[in-house]
Amino acid sequence: MRDSYEILLRPSITEKSTQLKEGQNTLVFDVDPRANKTEIRRAVEQAFGVKVEEVRTMNRPGKVKVSGRRIGRRPDRKRALVRLKAGEKVDFIEGT
């Protein structure tokens, strides 16, 4: 079994993810592309000490970027939306 910090790469803190956190008690994380929903659930519960109700995942393909004559590609990412059970709360940065 992998460590929870190998699965959860970073929280995604955007305007939309902040609205999800406040309105639907849902956290958004960038996760390891090989992780499945069960591993993500265990990692969040272990890292933050909360109960998870639902995990949804999405694979985000990287964009093609052109800079002058060079063509590059950003890496693919996997993102997880983790809904916490009612009454559960996680404070990372803003302290809400």
N, C-alpha and C. Protein backbone atom coordinates (compact mmCIF):
# COMPACT_ATOMS: atom_id res chain seq x y z
N MET A 1 0.84 -1.18 0.00
CA MET A 1 0.00 0.00 0.00
C MET A 1 0.88 1.25 0.00
N ARG A 2 0.54 2.17 -0.85
CA ARG A 2 1.33 3.39 -0.97
C ARG A 2 0.97 4.39 0.12
N ASP A 3 1.90 5.28 0.40
CA ASP A 3 1.69 6.34 1.37
C ASP A 3 0.69 7.34 0.81
N SER A 4 -0.08 7.97 1.70
CA SER A 4 -1.12 8.91 1.25
C SER A 4 -0.51 10.12 0.55
N TYR A 5 0.73 10.47 0.90
CA TYR A 5 1.36 11.63 0.27
C TYR A 5 1.93 11.30 -1.11
N GLU A 6 2.01 10.02 -1.47
CA GLU A 6 2.36 9.64 -2.84
C GLU A 6 1.13 9.69 -3.74
N ILE A 7 -0.04 9.52 -3.17
CA ILE A 7 -1.29 9.53 -3.94
C ILE A 7 -1.80 10.95 -4.11
N LEU A 8 -1.88 11.71 -3.01
CA LEU A 8 -2.35 13.10 -3.07
C LEU A 8 -1.16 14.00 -3.38
N LEU A 9 -1.10 14.52 -4.59
CA LEU A 9 0.04 15.35 -4.98
C LEU A 9 -0.07 16.77 -4.45
N ARG A 10 -1.23 17.40 -4.63
CA ARG A 10 -1.42 18.77 -4.16
C ARG A 10 -2.91 19.10 -4.19
N PRO A 11 -3.36 19.98 -3.29
CA PRO A 11 -4.74 20.43 -3.41
C PRO A 11 -4.84 21.44 -4.55
N SER A 12 -5.95 21.42 -5.24
CA SER A 12 -6.18 22.37 -6.32
C SER A 12 -6.98 23.53 -5.73
N ILE A 13 -6.33 24.68 -5.60
CA ILE A 13 -6.99 25.84 -5.00
C ILE A 13 -7.26 26.86 -6.09
N THR A 14 -8.49 26.81 -6.59
CA THR A 14 -8.94 27.73 -7.62
C THR A 14 -10.25 28.35 -7.14
N GLU A 15 -10.77 29.27 -7.91
CA GLU A 15 -12.04 29.89 -7.55
C GLU A 15 -13.16 28.86 -7.52
N LYS A 16 -13.18 27.98 -8.51
CA LYS A 16 -14.22 26.96 -8.59
C LYS A 16 -14.10 25.95 -7.45
N SER A 17 -12.87 25.53 -7.12
CA SER A 17 -12.72 24.55 -6.04
C SER A 17 -13.06 25.17 -4.68
N THR A 18 -12.82 26.47 -4.52
CA THR A 18 -13.20 27.13 -3.28
C THR A 18 -14.72 27.19 -3.14
N GLN A 19 -15.42 27.42 -4.24
CA GLN A 19 -16.89 27.42 -4.21
C GLN A 19 -17.42 26.02 -3.91
N LEU A 20 -16.78 24.98 -4.46
CA LEU A 20 -17.20 23.61 -4.16
C LEU A 20 -16.99 23.28 -2.69
N LYS A 21 -15.88 23.76 -2.13
CA LYS A 21 -15.60 23.50 -0.73
C LYS A 21 -16.63 24.15 0.17
N GLU A 22 -16.98 25.38 -0.13
CA GLU A 22 -17.93 26.11 0.71
C GLU A 22 -19.37 25.63 0.52
N GLY A 23 -19.75 25.35 -0.72
CA GLY A 23 -21.14 25.02 -1.01
C GLY A 23 -21.49 23.55 -0.86
N GLN A 24 -20.59 22.65 -1.29
CA GLN A 24 -20.92 21.23 -1.33
C GLN A 24 -20.02 20.38 -0.45
N ASN A 25 -19.15 21.00 0.35
CA ASN A 25 -18.22 20.28 1.23
C ASN A 25 -17.36 19.31 0.42
N THR A 26 -16.86 19.77 -0.74
CA THR A 26 -16.08 18.95 -1.65
C THR A 26 -14.68 19.54 -1.80
N LEU A 27 -13.66 18.69 -1.67
CA LEU A 27 -12.27 19.10 -1.84
C LEU A 27 -11.77 18.62 -3.19
N VAL A 28 -10.86 19.37 -3.80
CA VAL A 28 -10.32 19.01 -5.11
C VAL A 28 -8.81 18.82 -4.96
N PHE A 29 -8.31 17.67 -5.44
CA PHE A 29 -6.89 17.34 -5.36
C PHE A 29 -6.37 16.91 -6.72
N ASP A 30 -5.11 17.24 -7.02
CA ASP A 30 -4.40 16.59 -8.11
C ASP A 30 -3.81 15.32 -7.52
N VAL A 31 -4.06 14.18 -8.17
CA VAL A 31 -3.63 12.89 -7.63
C VAL A 31 -2.76 12.15 -8.62
N ASP A 32 -2.12 11.10 -8.13
CA ASP A 32 -1.30 10.24 -8.98
C ASP A 32 -2.19 9.60 -10.04
N PRO A 33 -1.79 9.63 -11.31
CA PRO A 33 -2.65 9.07 -12.37
C PRO A 33 -2.94 7.59 -12.23
N ARG A 34 -2.12 6.86 -11.47
CA ARG A 34 -2.34 5.42 -11.30
C ARG A 34 -3.27 5.10 -10.13
N ALA A 35 -3.65 6.10 -9.34
CA ALA A 35 -4.48 5.87 -8.14
C ALA A 35 -5.93 5.64 -8.53
N ASN A 36 -6.58 4.72 -7.81
CA ASN A 36 -8.01 4.50 -8.04
C ASN A 36 -8.81 5.17 -6.93
N LYS A 37 -10.13 5.09 -7.01
CA LYS A 37 -11.00 5.80 -6.07
C LYS A 37 -10.84 5.30 -4.64
N THR A 38 -10.65 4.00 -4.47
CA THR A 38 -10.49 3.44 -3.13
C THR A 38 -9.20 3.94 -2.48
N GLU A 39 -8.12 3.99 -3.24
CA GLU A 39 -6.85 4.49 -2.70
C GLU A 39 -6.95 5.97 -2.36
N ILE A 40 -7.64 6.74 -3.19
CA ILE A 40 -7.80 8.17 -2.93
C ILE A 40 -8.62 8.38 -1.66
N ARG A 41 -9.69 7.61 -1.48
CA ARG A 41 -10.52 7.70 -0.28
C ARG A 41 -9.68 7.42 0.97
N ARG A 42 -8.90 6.33 0.96
CA ARG A 42 -8.07 5.99 2.12
C ARG A 42 -7.02 7.05 2.39
N ALA A 43 -6.44 7.61 1.33
CA ALA A 43 -5.39 8.62 1.50
C ALA A 43 -5.95 9.88 2.15
N VAL A 44 -7.12 10.34 1.72
CA VAL A 44 -7.72 11.55 2.31
C VAL A 44 -8.11 11.29 3.76
N GLU A 45 -8.71 10.13 4.03
CA GLU A 45 -9.11 9.82 5.40
C GLU A 45 -7.90 9.72 6.32
N GLN A 46 -6.81 9.15 5.83
CA GLN A 46 -5.60 9.01 6.64
C GLN A 46 -4.89 10.35 6.83
N ALA A 47 -4.78 11.13 5.78
CA ALA A 47 -4.01 12.38 5.85
C ALA A 47 -4.72 13.45 6.68
N PHE A 48 -6.05 13.54 6.58
CA PHE A 48 -6.77 14.63 7.23
C PHE A 48 -7.65 14.19 8.39
N GLY A 49 -7.82 12.88 8.59
CA GLY A 49 -8.63 12.40 9.70
C GLY A 49 -10.11 12.72 9.56
N VAL A 50 -10.65 12.61 8.36
CA VAL A 50 -12.07 12.89 8.10
C VAL A 50 -12.71 11.67 7.44
N LYS A 51 -14.04 11.66 7.36
CA LYS A 51 -14.78 10.59 6.68
C LYS A 51 -15.20 11.08 5.30
N VAL A 52 -14.98 10.26 4.29
CA VAL A 52 -15.28 10.62 2.91
C VAL A 52 -16.59 9.95 2.49
N GLU A 53 -17.45 10.74 1.85
CA GLU A 53 -18.73 10.21 1.37
C GLU A 53 -18.61 9.69 -0.07
N GLU A 54 -17.94 10.46 -0.95
CA GLU A 54 -17.89 10.10 -2.37
C GLU A 54 -16.60 10.62 -2.98
N VAL A 55 -16.08 9.86 -3.96
CA VAL A 55 -14.90 10.28 -4.71
C VAL A 55 -15.24 10.21 -6.19
N ARG A 56 -14.99 11.31 -6.89
CA ARG A 56 -15.14 11.35 -8.34
C ARG A 56 -13.80 11.72 -8.94
N THR A 57 -13.44 11.12 -10.06
CA THR A 57 -12.15 11.40 -10.68
C THR A 57 -12.34 11.81 -12.12
N MET A 58 -11.34 12.54 -12.63
CA MET A 58 -11.33 12.91 -14.04
C MET A 58 -9.89 12.96 -14.52
N ASN A 59 -9.67 12.49 -15.73
CA ASN A 59 -8.36 12.56 -16.36
C ASN A 59 -8.32 13.78 -17.25
N ARG A 60 -7.35 14.63 -17.02
CA ARG A 60 -7.24 15.89 -17.75
C ARG A 60 -6.06 15.80 -18.71
N PRO A 61 -6.28 15.74 -20.02
CA PRO A 61 -5.16 15.67 -20.96
C PRO A 61 -4.40 17.00 -20.99
N GLY A 62 -3.09 16.92 -21.18
CA GLY A 62 -2.27 18.12 -21.24
C GLY A 62 -2.48 18.89 -22.53
N LYS A 63 -2.32 20.20 -22.45
CA LYS A 63 -2.52 21.05 -23.62
C LYS A 63 -1.25 21.09 -24.47
N VAL A 64 -1.44 21.30 -25.75
CA VAL A 64 -0.31 21.53 -26.66
C VAL A 64 -0.02 23.02 -26.65
N LYS A 65 1.23 23.38 -26.42
CA LYS A 65 1.64 24.78 -26.35
C LYS A 65 2.69 25.05 -27.42
N VAL A 66 2.55 26.20 -28.08
CA VAL A 66 3.49 26.61 -29.13
C VAL A 66 4.21 27.85 -28.65
N SER A 67 5.53 27.81 -28.70
CA SER A 67 6.35 28.95 -28.32
C SER A 67 7.36 29.19 -29.44
N GLY A 68 7.03 30.12 -30.33
CA GLY A 68 7.90 30.35 -31.48
C GLY A 68 7.82 29.16 -32.43
N ARG A 69 8.98 28.55 -32.70
CA ARG A 69 9.01 27.38 -33.57
C ARG A 69 8.85 26.07 -32.82
N ARG A 70 8.91 26.14 -31.52
CA ARG A 70 8.86 24.92 -30.72
C ARG A 70 7.42 24.57 -30.36
N ILE A 71 7.15 23.29 -30.42
CA ILE A 71 5.85 22.78 -30.02
C ILE A 71 6.08 21.86 -28.83
N GLY A 72 5.39 22.14 -27.74
CA GLY A 72 5.53 21.32 -26.55
C GLY A 72 4.17 20.88 -26.05
N ARG A 73 4.21 20.08 -25.04
CA ARG A 73 2.96 19.57 -24.47
C ARG A 73 3.08 19.54 -22.96
N ARG A 74 2.04 20.02 -22.30
CA ARG A 74 1.99 19.94 -20.84
C ARG A 74 1.61 18.52 -20.43
N PRO A 75 2.01 18.11 -19.25
CA PRO A 75 1.72 16.72 -18.84
C PRO A 75 0.23 16.50 -18.55
N ASP A 76 -0.21 15.24 -18.73
CA ASP A 76 -1.57 14.86 -18.37
C ASP A 76 -1.69 14.85 -16.85
N ARG A 77 -2.91 15.10 -16.35
CA ARG A 77 -3.14 15.12 -14.90
C ARG A 77 -4.41 14.35 -14.58
N LYS A 78 -4.47 13.88 -13.36
CA LYS A 78 -5.70 13.27 -12.85
C LYS A 78 -6.15 14.10 -11.67
N ARG A 79 -7.41 14.41 -11.63
CA ARG A 79 -7.97 15.25 -10.57
C ARG A 79 -9.07 14.48 -9.87
N ALA A 80 -9.15 14.63 -8.55
CA ALA A 80 -10.17 13.94 -7.76
C ALA A 80 -11.00 14.97 -7.00
N LEU A 81 -12.32 14.78 -7.05
CA LEU A 81 -13.24 15.59 -6.27
C LEU A 81 -13.74 14.71 -5.13
N VAL A 82 -13.42 15.10 -3.91
CA VAL A 82 -13.71 14.28 -2.74
C VAL A 82 -14.76 14.99 -1.90
N ARG A 83 -15.95 14.38 -1.78
CA ARG A 83 -17.01 14.97 -0.97
C ARG A 83 -16.93 14.37 0.43
N LEU A 84 -16.87 15.24 1.43
CA LEU A 84 -16.80 14.82 2.82
C LEU A 84 -18.20 14.61 3.37
N LYS A 85 -18.30 13.76 4.39
CA LYS A 85 -19.59 13.54 5.04
C LYS A 85 -20.02 14.81 5.77
N ALA A 86 -21.30 14.92 6.03
CA ALA A 86 -21.85 16.10 6.70
C ALA A 86 -21.20 16.28 8.07
N GLY A 87 -20.80 17.50 8.36
CA GLY A 87 -20.18 17.81 9.64
C GLY A 87 -18.66 17.71 9.63
N GLU A 88 -18.08 17.11 8.60
CA GLU A 88 -16.62 17.00 8.50
C GLU A 88 -16.06 18.27 7.88
N LYS A 89 -14.83 18.64 8.26
CA LYS A 89 -14.24 19.88 7.79
C LYS A 89 -12.72 19.72 7.72
N VAL A 90 -12.10 20.33 6.70
CA VAL A 90 -10.64 20.32 6.55
C VAL A 90 -10.18 21.77 6.39
N ASP A 91 -9.16 22.14 7.13
CA ASP A 91 -8.58 23.48 7.02
C ASP A 91 -7.19 23.36 6.43
N PHE A 92 -6.98 23.84 5.19
CA PHE A 92 -5.60 23.85 4.73
C PHE A 92 -5.00 25.23 4.80
N ILE A 93 -5.51 26.18 4.05
CA ILE A 93 -4.83 27.47 3.97
C ILE A 93 -5.68 28.58 4.55
N GLU A 94 -6.88 28.73 4.03
CA GLU A 94 -7.66 29.90 4.39
C GLU A 94 -8.28 29.81 5.77
N GLY A 95 -8.27 28.65 6.40
CA GLY A 95 -8.76 28.54 7.77
C GLY A 95 -10.27 28.53 7.90
N THR A 96 -10.99 28.08 6.84
CA THR A 96 -12.46 28.03 6.92
C THR A 96 -12.93 26.65 7.28
